[in-house]
Amino acid sequence: MVTALTCDARPQYNNYAKKFQNTFVDHGHALKQLFRLSHGAGAEKVLNSYITTLANRASQRSISKRSHYCKRTLRTFIALKHMKPRELALFSMKRPAGDVDVPSSCRPEVILVDKSK
């Protein structure tokens, strides 16, 4: 949504949202369940706060690095245009996003190997 407004990319965003709508609904249910398990009765409030924080940070990135932000997200829309909905999760996990907040439960596990022995 931030990209649609900041980068004048409403058609691309609308196509993306429509194409992956069912995927978003399914993963939204799973995310709500994860927050219910982790936060109990306060899950909805914590989830809403988390989503608002993500949106605010995306907005801040778009303001501070507008050109970079828009180029990157528009390239992402191009890549998603040719993707099947079932491929979205894997695409998202593989895409480097160092400046994006990713919940620890969604990050790939890192295994450290002690080579000193």
Protein backbone atom coordinates (compact mmCIF):
# COMPACT_ATOMS: atom_id res chain seq x y z
CA MET A 1 0.00 0.00 0.00
CA VAL A 2 2.87 2.39 0.81
CA THR A 3 4.34 1.68 -2.63
CA ALA A 4 1.02 2.30 -4.35
CA LEU A 5 0.76 5.75 -2.79
CA THR A 6 4.41 6.82 -2.66
CA CYS A 7 5.55 5.47 -6.03
CA ASP A 8 2.35 6.14 -7.97
CA ALA A 9 1.97 2.41 -8.50
CA ARG A 10 -1.71 1.87 -7.79
CA PRO A 11 -2.36 -0.36 -10.85
CA GLN A 12 0.62 -2.60 -10.04
CA TYR A 13 -0.41 -2.82 -6.38
CA ASN A 14 -4.03 -3.57 -7.27
CA ASN A 15 -2.96 -6.36 -9.65
CA TYR A 16 -0.67 -7.80 -6.97
CA ALA A 17 -3.36 -7.61 -4.26
CA LYS A 18 -5.98 -9.22 -6.49
CA LYS A 19 -3.68 -11.98 -7.77
CA PHE A 20 -2.50 -13.03 -4.31
CA GLN A 21 -5.70 -12.27 -2.37
CA ASN A 22 -6.40 -15.90 -1.42
CA THR A 23 -2.78 -16.42 -0.42
CA PHE A 24 -2.94 -13.35 1.83
CA VAL A 25 -6.15 -14.58 3.44
CA ASP A 26 -4.70 -18.04 4.10
CA HIS A 27 -1.44 -16.68 5.52
CA GLY A 28 -3.36 -14.04 7.48
CA HIS A 29 -5.29 -16.80 9.24
CA ALA A 30 -2.04 -18.60 10.04
CA LEU A 31 -0.47 -15.39 11.37
CA LYS A 32 -3.49 -14.72 13.57
CA GLN A 33 -3.26 -18.26 14.92
CA LEU A 34 0.45 -17.80 15.68
CA PHE A 35 -0.28 -14.58 17.55
CA ARG A 36 -3.15 -16.27 19.46
CA LEU A 37 -0.80 -19.04 20.55
CA SER A 38 1.92 -16.57 21.53
CA HIS A 39 -0.19 -13.81 23.11
CA GLY A 40 -3.48 -15.36 24.17
CA ALA A 41 -6.36 -12.95 24.73
CA GLY A 42 -4.21 -9.95 23.78
CA ALA A 43 -3.28 -11.38 20.38
CA GLU A 44 -5.43 -9.06 18.27
CA LYS A 45 -4.03 -5.93 19.91
CA VAL A 46 -0.44 -7.15 19.56
CA LEU A 47 -0.96 -8.17 15.93
CA ASN A 48 -2.56 -4.83 15.05
CA SER A 49 0.34 -3.02 16.70
CA TYR A 50 2.85 -5.16 14.81
CA ILE A 51 1.16 -4.53 11.44
CA THR A 52 0.97 -0.79 12.14
CA THR A 53 4.67 -0.76 13.04
CA LEU A 54 5.55 -2.53 9.78
CA ALA A 55 3.51 -0.04 7.76
CA ASN A 56 5.01 2.93 9.58
CA ARG A 57 8.55 1.68 9.02
CA ALA A 58 7.85 1.05 5.34
CA SER A 59 6.53 4.58 5.11
CA GLN A 60 9.66 5.96 6.77
CA ARG A 61 11.89 4.02 4.36
CA SER A 62 9.90 5.32 1.43
CA ILE A 63 10.34 8.89 2.68
CA SER A 64 14.05 8.67 3.46
CA LYS A 65 15.07 6.64 0.38
CA ARG A 66 12.25 7.26 -2.05
CA SER A 67 14.10 6.58 -5.31
CA HIS A 68 15.69 3.36 -4.03
CA TYR A 69 12.46 2.26 -2.37
CA CYS A 70 10.35 2.80 -5.49
CA LYS A 71 12.83 1.13 -7.85
CA ARG A 72 13.11 -1.89 -5.60
CA THR A 73 9.40 -2.36 -5.05
CA LEU A 74 8.52 -1.79 -8.70
CA ARG A 75 11.06 -4.49 -9.65
CA THR A 76 9.32 -6.74 -7.14
CA PHE A 77 5.93 -6.11 -8.78
CA ILE A 78 7.45 -7.07 -12.15
CA ALA A 79 8.80 -10.33 -10.72
CA LEU A 80 5.46 -11.11 -9.06
CA LYS A 81 3.56 -10.52 -12.28
CA HIS A 82 4.83 -13.84 -13.67
CA MET A 83 4.54 -15.79 -10.44
CA LYS A 84 1.89 -18.27 -9.36
CA PRO A 85 0.26 -17.65 -5.97
CA ARG A 86 1.72 -20.87 -4.54
CA GLU A 87 5.22 -19.50 -5.25
CA LEU A 88 4.81 -16.30 -3.22
CA ALA A 89 5.96 -17.59 0.18
CA LEU A 90 9.17 -19.10 -1.19
CA PHE A 91 9.87 -15.96 -3.21
CA SER A 92 9.41 -13.81 -0.11
CA MET A 93 11.72 -15.97 1.99
CA LYS A 94 14.48 -15.94 -0.63
CA ARG A 95 14.35 -12.23 -1.35
CA PRO A 96 16.96 -10.30 0.64
CA ALA A 97 15.27 -7.67 2.72
CA GLY A 98 17.82 -6.36 5.20
CA ASP A 99 15.84 -3.20 5.89
CA VAL A 100 12.53 -4.96 6.49
CA ASP A 101 11.32 -6.26 9.83
CA VAL A 102 10.89 -10.01 9.67
CA PRO A 103 9.49 -11.91 12.66
CA SER A 104 11.98 -14.43 14.01
CA SER A 105 9.48 -17.22 13.35
CA CYS A 106 9.62 -16.37 9.63
CA ARG A 107 13.38 -16.15 9.29
CA PRO A 108 15.29 -19.10 7.90
CA GLU A 109 17.25 -20.87 10.58
CA VAL A 110 20.94 -20.18 10.69
CA ILE A 111 23.24 -22.98 11.76
CA LEU A 112 26.66 -21.92 12.99
CA VAL A 113 29.51 -24.36 12.63
CA ASP A 114 32.51 -24.15 14.93
CA LYS A 115 35.51 -24.53 12.61
CA SER A 116 38.08 -23.93 15.35
CA LYS A 117 38.19 -27.62 16.29
